[in-house]
């Protein structure tokens, strides 16, 4: 049995056992990190972009 994921909400700063991924921060100089929110606060963040849609978009 695995341990439940416990993360701090980036908006209200409470811990949650049901984190929702709301952002991915990338870094050129090292590892990036994920930003999580609780279910109540996650609705205040825009949806994550679909990677496959980003690949099919063409630059002007």
PDB file of N, CA and C in Angstrom:
ATOM      1  N   UNK A   1       0.847  -1.188   0.000  1.00  0.00           N
ATOM      2  CA  UNK A   1       0.000   0.000   0.000  1.00  0.00           C
ATOM      3  C   UNK A   1       0.887   1.243   0.000  1.00  0.00           C
ATOM      4  N   UNK A   2       0.581   2.197  -0.864  1.00  0.00           N
ATOM      5  CA  UNK A   2       1.385   3.408  -0.943  1.00  0.00           C
ATOM      6  C   UNK A   2       0.797   4.515  -0.080  1.00  0.00           C
ATOM      7  N   UNK A   3       1.640   5.445   0.260  1.00  0.00           N
ATOM      8  CA  UNK A   3       1.198   6.585   1.062  1.00  0.00           C
ATOM      9  C   UNK A   3       0.397   7.546   0.192  1.00  0.00           C
ATOM     10  N   UNK A   4      -0.606   8.198   0.745  1.00  0.00           N
ATOM     11  CA  UNK A   4      -1.357   9.182  -0.049  1.00  0.00           C
ATOM     12  C   UNK A   4      -0.502  10.419  -0.314  1.00  0.00           C
ATOM     13  N   UNK A   5      -0.723  11.040  -1.458  1.00  0.00           N
ATOM     14  CA  UNK A   5      -0.008  12.269  -1.786  1.00  0.00           C
ATOM     15  C   UNK A   5      -0.527  13.395  -0.909  1.00  0.00           C
ATOM     16  N   UNK A   6       0.367  14.077  -0.240  1.00  0.00           N
ATOM     17  CA  UNK A   6      -0.004  15.227   0.589  1.00  0.00           C
ATOM     18  C   UNK A   6       0.761  16.425   0.050  1.00  0.00           C
ATOM     19  N   UNK A   7       0.035  17.438  -0.365  1.00  0.00           N
ATOM     20  CA  UNK A   7       0.646  18.647  -0.912  1.00  0.00           C
ATOM     21  C   UNK A   7       0.004  19.872  -0.269  1.00  0.00           C
ATOM     22  N   UNK A   8       0.725  20.984  -0.337  1.00  0.00           N
ATOM     23  CA  UNK A   8       0.181  22.243   0.151  1.00  0.00           C
ATOM     24  C   UNK A   8      -0.461  22.989  -1.013  1.00  0.00           C
ATOM     25  N   UNK A   9      -1.622  23.538  -0.793  1.00  0.00           N
ATOM     26  CA  UNK A   9      -2.318  24.324  -1.807  1.00  0.00           C
ATOM     27  C   UNK A   9      -1.571  25.645  -2.002  1.00  0.00           C
ATOM     28  N   UNK A  10      -1.301  25.982  -3.244  1.00  0.00           N
ATOM     29  CA  UNK A  10      -0.576  27.212  -3.565  1.00  0.00           C
ATOM     30  C   UNK A  10      -1.412  28.458  -3.302  1.00  0.00           C
ATOM     31  N   UNK A  11      -2.712  28.315  -3.202  1.00  0.00           N
ATOM     32  CA  UNK A  11      -3.591  29.477  -3.010  1.00  0.00           C
ATOM     33  C   UNK A  11      -3.929  29.711  -1.545  1.00  0.00           C
ATOM     34  N   UNK A  12      -4.457  28.692  -0.859  1.00  0.00           N
ATOM     35  CA  UNK A  12      -4.891  28.879   0.533  1.00  0.00           C
ATOM     36  C   UNK A  12      -3.862  28.370   1.549  1.00  0.00           C
ATOM     37  N   UNK A  13      -2.818  27.704   1.057  1.00  0.00           N
ATOM     38  CA  UNK A  13      -1.708  27.201   1.867  1.00  0.00           C
ATOM     39  C   UNK A  13      -2.096  26.122   2.873  1.00  0.00           C
ATOM     40  N   UNK A  14      -3.259  25.481   2.675  1.00  0.00           N
ATOM     41  CA  UNK A  14      -3.627  24.333   3.515  1.00  0.00           C
ATOM     42  C   UNK A  14      -3.109  23.064   2.860  1.00  0.00           C
ATOM     43  N   UNK A  15      -2.859  22.042   3.669  1.00  0.00           N
ATOM     44  CA  UNK A  15      -2.443  20.761   3.101  1.00  0.00           C
ATOM     45  C   UNK A  15      -3.680  19.995   2.658  1.00  0.00           C
ATOM     46  N   UNK A  16      -3.488  19.189   1.599  1.00  0.00           N
ATOM     47  CA  UNK A  16      -4.587  18.396   1.069  1.00  0.00           C
ATOM     48  C   UNK A  16      -4.083  17.015   0.678  1.00  0.00           C
ATOM     49  N   UNK A  17      -4.921  16.020   0.860  1.00  0.00           N
ATOM     50  CA  UNK A  17      -4.578  14.665   0.432  1.00  0.00           C
ATOM     51  C   UNK A  17      -5.114  14.372  -0.965  1.00  0.00           C
ATOM     52  N   UNK A  18      -5.801  15.357  -1.565  1.00  0.00           N
ATOM     53  CA  UNK A  18      -6.318  15.228  -2.934  1.00  0.00           C
ATOM     54  C   UNK A  18      -5.848  16.421  -3.766  1.00  0.00           C
ATOM     55  N   UNK A  19      -4.522  16.552  -3.973  1.00  0.00           N
ATOM     56  CA  UNK A  19      -4.012  17.710  -4.707  1.00  0.00           C
ATOM     57  C   UNK A  19      -4.384  17.675  -6.186  1.00  0.00           C
ATOM     58  N   UNK A  20      -4.566  18.860  -6.750  1.00  0.00           N
ATOM     59  CA  UNK A  20      -4.868  19.023  -8.176  1.00  0.00           C
ATOM     60  C   UNK A  20      -3.706  19.784  -8.803  1.00  0.00           C
ATOM     61  N   UNK A  21      -3.109  19.234  -9.845  1.00  0.00           N
ATOM     62  CA  UNK A  21      -2.013  19.893 -10.542  1.00  0.00           C
ATOM     63  C   UNK A  21      -2.566  21.109 -11.281  1.00  0.00           C
ATOM     64  N   UNK A  22      -2.043  22.311 -10.973  1.00  0.00           N
ATOM     65  CA  UNK A  22      -2.549  23.527 -11.608  1.00  0.00           C
ATOM     66  C   UNK A  22      -1.508  24.233 -12.467  1.00  0.00           C
ATOM     67  N   UNK A  23      -0.229  23.856 -12.311  1.00  0.00           N
ATOM     68  CA  UNK A  23       0.816  24.490 -13.109  1.00  0.00           C
ATOM     69  C   UNK A  23       2.080  23.647 -13.070  1.00  0.00           C
ATOM     70  N   UNK A  24       2.862  23.748 -14.137  1.00  0.00           N
ATOM     71  CA  UNK A  24       4.173  23.111 -14.202  1.00  0.00           C
ATOM     72  C   UNK A  24       5.193  24.214 -14.466  1.00  0.00           C
ATOM     73  N   UNK A  25       6.152  24.367 -13.563  1.00  0.00           N
ATOM     74  CA  UNK A  25       7.179  25.391 -13.696  1.00  0.00           C
ATOM     75  C   UNK A  25       8.435  24.729 -14.245  1.00  0.00           C
ATOM     76  N   UNK A  26       8.905  25.203 -15.387  1.00  0.00           N
ATOM     77  CA  UNK A  26      10.093  24.643 -16.027  1.00  0.00           C
ATOM     78  C   UNK A  26      11.279  25.551 -15.760  1.00  0.00           C
ATOM     79  N   UNK A  27      12.461  24.955 -15.691  1.00  0.00           N
ATOM     80  CA  UNK A  27      13.670  25.711 -15.415  1.00  0.00           C
ATOM     81  C   UNK A  27      14.770  25.264 -16.355  1.00  0.00           C
ATOM     82  N   UNK A  28      15.482  26.206 -16.926  1.00  0.00           N
ATOM     83  CA  UNK A  28      16.586  25.873 -17.825  1.00  0.00           C
ATOM     84  C   UNK A  28      17.841  25.488 -17.049  1.00  0.00           C
ATOM     85  N   UNK A  29      17.945  25.897 -15.801  1.00  0.00           N
ATOM     86  CA  UNK A  29      19.169  25.663 -15.042  1.00  0.00           C
ATOM     87  C   UNK A  29      19.063  24.521 -14.036  1.00  0.00           C
ATOM     88  N   UNK A  30      17.946  23.836 -14.015  1.00  0.00           N
ATOM     89  CA  UNK A  30      17.789  22.740 -13.067  1.00  0.00           C
ATOM     90  C   UNK A  30      16.408  22.139 -13.184  1.00  0.00           C
ATOM     91  N   UNK A  31      16.075  21.259 -12.259  1.00  0.00           N
ATOM     92  CA  UNK A  31      14.754  20.629 -12.334  1.00  0.00           C
ATOM     93  C   UNK A  31      13.633  21.632 -12.060  1.00  0.00           C
ATOM     94  N   UNK A  32      12.544  21.471 -12.748  1.00  0.00           N
ATOM     95  CA  UNK A  32      11.371  22.297 -12.513  1.00  0.00           C
ATOM     96  C   UNK A  32      10.558  21.714 -11.375  1.00  0.00           C
ATOM     97  N   UNK A  33       9.336  22.213 -11.205  1.00  0.00           N
ATOM     98  CA  UNK A  33       8.478  21.685 -10.155  1.00  0.00           C
ATOM     99  C   UNK A  33       7.017  21.873 -10.532  1.00  0.00           C
ATOM    100  N   UNK A  34       6.170  21.149  -9.864  1.00  0.00           N
ATOM    101  CA  UNK A  34       4.730  21.226 -10.089  1.00  0.00           C
ATOM    102  C   UNK A  34       4.090  22.071  -9.004  1.00  0.00           C
ATOM    103  N   UNK A  35       3.009  22.751  -9.356  1.00  0.00           N
ATOM    104  CA  UNK A  35       2.248  23.565  -8.406  1.00  0.00           C
ATOM    105  C   UNK A  35       0.898  22.895  -8.228  1.00  0.00           C
ATOM    106  N   UNK A  36       0.509  22.705  -6.976  1.00  0.00           N
ATOM    107  CA  UNK A  36      -0.735  22.013  -6.658  1.00  0.00           C
ATOM    108  C   UNK A  36      -1.687  22.935  -5.908  1.00  0.00           C
ATOM    109  N   UNK A  37      -2.964  22.629  -6.000  1.00  0.00           N
ATOM    110  CA  UNK A  37      -3.998  23.338  -5.255  1.00  0.00           C
ATOM    111  C   UNK A  37      -4.991  22.316  -4.711  1.00  0.00           C
ATOM    112  N   UNK A  38      -5.746  22.713  -3.709  1.00  0.00           N
ATOM    113  CA  UNK A  38      -6.821  21.847  -3.219  1.00  0.00           C
ATOM    114  C   UNK A  38      -7.970  21.922  -4.229  1.00  0.00           C
ATOM    115  N   UNK A  39      -8.907  21.029  -4.142  1.00  0.00           N
ATOM    116  CA  UNK A  39     -10.012  20.978  -5.105  1.00  0.00           C
ATOM    117  C   UNK A  39     -10.821  22.272  -5.121  1.00  0.00           C
ATOM    118  N   UNK A  40     -10.995  22.892  -3.956  1.00  0.00           N
ATOM    119  CA  UNK A  40     -11.785  24.131  -3.885  1.00  0.00           C
ATOM    120  C   UNK A  40     -11.077  25.286  -4.584  1.00  0.00           C
ATOM    121  N   UNK A  41      -9.756  25.365  -4.456  1.00  0.00           N
ATOM    122  CA  UNK A  41      -9.005  26.477  -5.048  1.00  0.00           C
ATOM    123  C   UNK A  41      -8.621  26.225  -6.500  1.00  0.00           C
ATOM    124  N   UNK A  42      -8.594  24.967  -6.937  1.00  0.00           N
ATOM    125  CA  UNK A  42      -8.162  24.639  -8.292  1.00  0.00           C
ATOM    126  C   UNK A  42      -9.021  25.311  -9.357  1.00  0.00           C
ATOM    127  N   UNK A  43     -10.273  25.559  -9.052  1.00  0.00           N
ATOM    128  CA  UNK A  43     -11.159  26.194 -10.043  1.00  0.00           C
ATOM    129  C   UNK A  43     -10.770  27.646 -10.322  1.00  0.00           C
ATOM    130  N   UNK A  44      -9.911  28.243  -9.501  1.00  0.00           N
ATOM    131  CA  UNK A  44      -9.470  29.623  -9.703  1.00  0.00           C
ATOM    132  C   UNK A  44      -8.262  29.714 -10.639  1.00  0.00           C
ATOM    133  N   UNK A  45      -7.744  28.584 -11.079  1.00  0.00           N
ATOM    134  CA  UNK A  45      -6.603  28.537 -11.986  1.00  0.00           C
ATOM    135  C   UNK A  45      -7.088  28.185 -13.391  1.00  0.00           C
ATOM    136  N   UNK A  46      -6.420  28.702 -14.414  1.00  0.00           N
ATOM    137  CA  UNK A  46      -6.803  28.319 -15.781  1.00  0.00           C
ATOM    138  C   UNK A  46      -6.437  26.864 -16.031  1.00  0.00           C
ATOM    139  N   UNK A  47      -7.107  26.200 -16.956  1.00  0.00           N
ATOM    140  CA  UNK A  47      -6.767  24.797 -17.253  1.00  0.00           C
ATOM    141  C   UNK A  47      -5.363  24.695 -17.839  1.00  0.00           C
ATOM    142  N   UNK A  48      -4.701  23.575 -17.565  1.00  0.00           N
ATOM    143  CA  UNK A  48      -3.377  23.337 -18.141  1.00  0.00           C
ATOM    144  C   UNK A  48      -3.520  23.154 -19.642  1.00  0.00           C
ATOM    145  N   UNK A  49      -2.556  23.653 -20.415  1.00  0.00           N
ATOM    146  CA  UNK A  49      -2.637  23.455 -21.870  1.00  0.00           C
ATOM    147  C   UNK A  49      -2.419  21.991 -22.228  1.00  0.00           C
ATOM    148  N   UNK A  50      -3.053  21.564 -23.302  1.00  0.00           N
ATOM    149  CA  UNK A  50      -2.877  20.210 -23.804  1.00  0.00           C
ATOM    150  C   UNK A  50      -1.593  20.181 -24.633  1.00  0.00           C
ATOM    151  N   UNK A  51      -0.624  19.394 -24.223  1.00  0.00           N
ATOM    152  CA  UNK A  51       0.670  19.346 -24.888  1.00  0.00           C
ATOM    153  C   UNK A  51       0.522  18.983 -26.363  1.00  0.00           C
ATOM    154  N   UNK A  52      -0.360  18.074 -26.680  1.00  0.00           N
ATOM    155  CA  UNK A  52      -0.540  17.679 -28.082  1.00  0.00           C
ATOM    156  C   UNK A  52      -1.089  18.823 -28.930  1.00  0.00           C
ATOM    157  N   UNK A  53      -1.928  19.657 -28.339  1.00  0.00           N
ATOM    158  CA  UNK A  53      -2.438  20.823 -29.079  1.00  0.00           C
ATOM    159  C   UNK A  53      -1.323  21.837 -29.297  1.00  0.00           C
ATOM    160  N   UNK A  54      -0.442  21.993 -28.327  1.00  0.00           N
ATOM    161  CA  UNK A  54       0.666  22.934 -28.484  1.00  0.00           C
ATOM    162  C   UNK A  54       1.594  22.491 -29.610  1.00  0.00           C
ATOM    163  N   UNK A  55       1.794  21.184 -29.754  1.00  0.00           N
ATOM    164  CA  UNK A  55       2.673  20.683 -30.806  1.00  0.00           C
ATOM    165  C   UNK A  55       2.091  20.871 -32.201  1.00  0.00           C
ATOM    166  N   UNK A  56       0.778  20.885 -32.325  1.00  0.00           N
ATOM    167  CA  UNK A  56       0.162  21.010 -33.646  1.00  0.00           C
ATOM    168  C   UNK A  56      -0.046  22.457 -34.064  1.00  0.00           C
ATOM    169  N   UNK A  57       0.080  23.400 -33.127  1.00  0.00           N
ATOM    170  CA  UNK A  57      -0.058  24.806 -33.472  1.00  0.00           C
ATOM    171  C   UNK A  57       1.161  25.232 -34.277  1.00  0.00           C
ATOM    172  N   UNK A  58       0.937  26.057 -35.282  1.00  0.00           N
ATOM    173  CA  UNK A  58       2.050  26.523 -36.105  1.00  0.00           C
ATOM    174  C   UNK A  58       2.328  27.976 -35.790  1.00  0.00           C
ATOM    175  N   UNK A  59       3.603  28.307 -35.777  1.00  0.00           N
ATOM    176  CA  UNK A  59       4.007  29.693 -35.527  1.00  0.00           C
ATOM    177  C   UNK A  59       3.660  30.545 -36.740  1.00  0.00           C
ATOM    178  N   UNK A  60       3.299  31.819 -36.515  1.00  0.00           N
ATOM    179  CA  UNK A  60       2.965  32.707 -37.648  1.00  0.00           C
ATOM    180  C   UNK A  60       4.160  33.041 -38.492  1.00  0.00           C
TER     181      UNK A  60
END
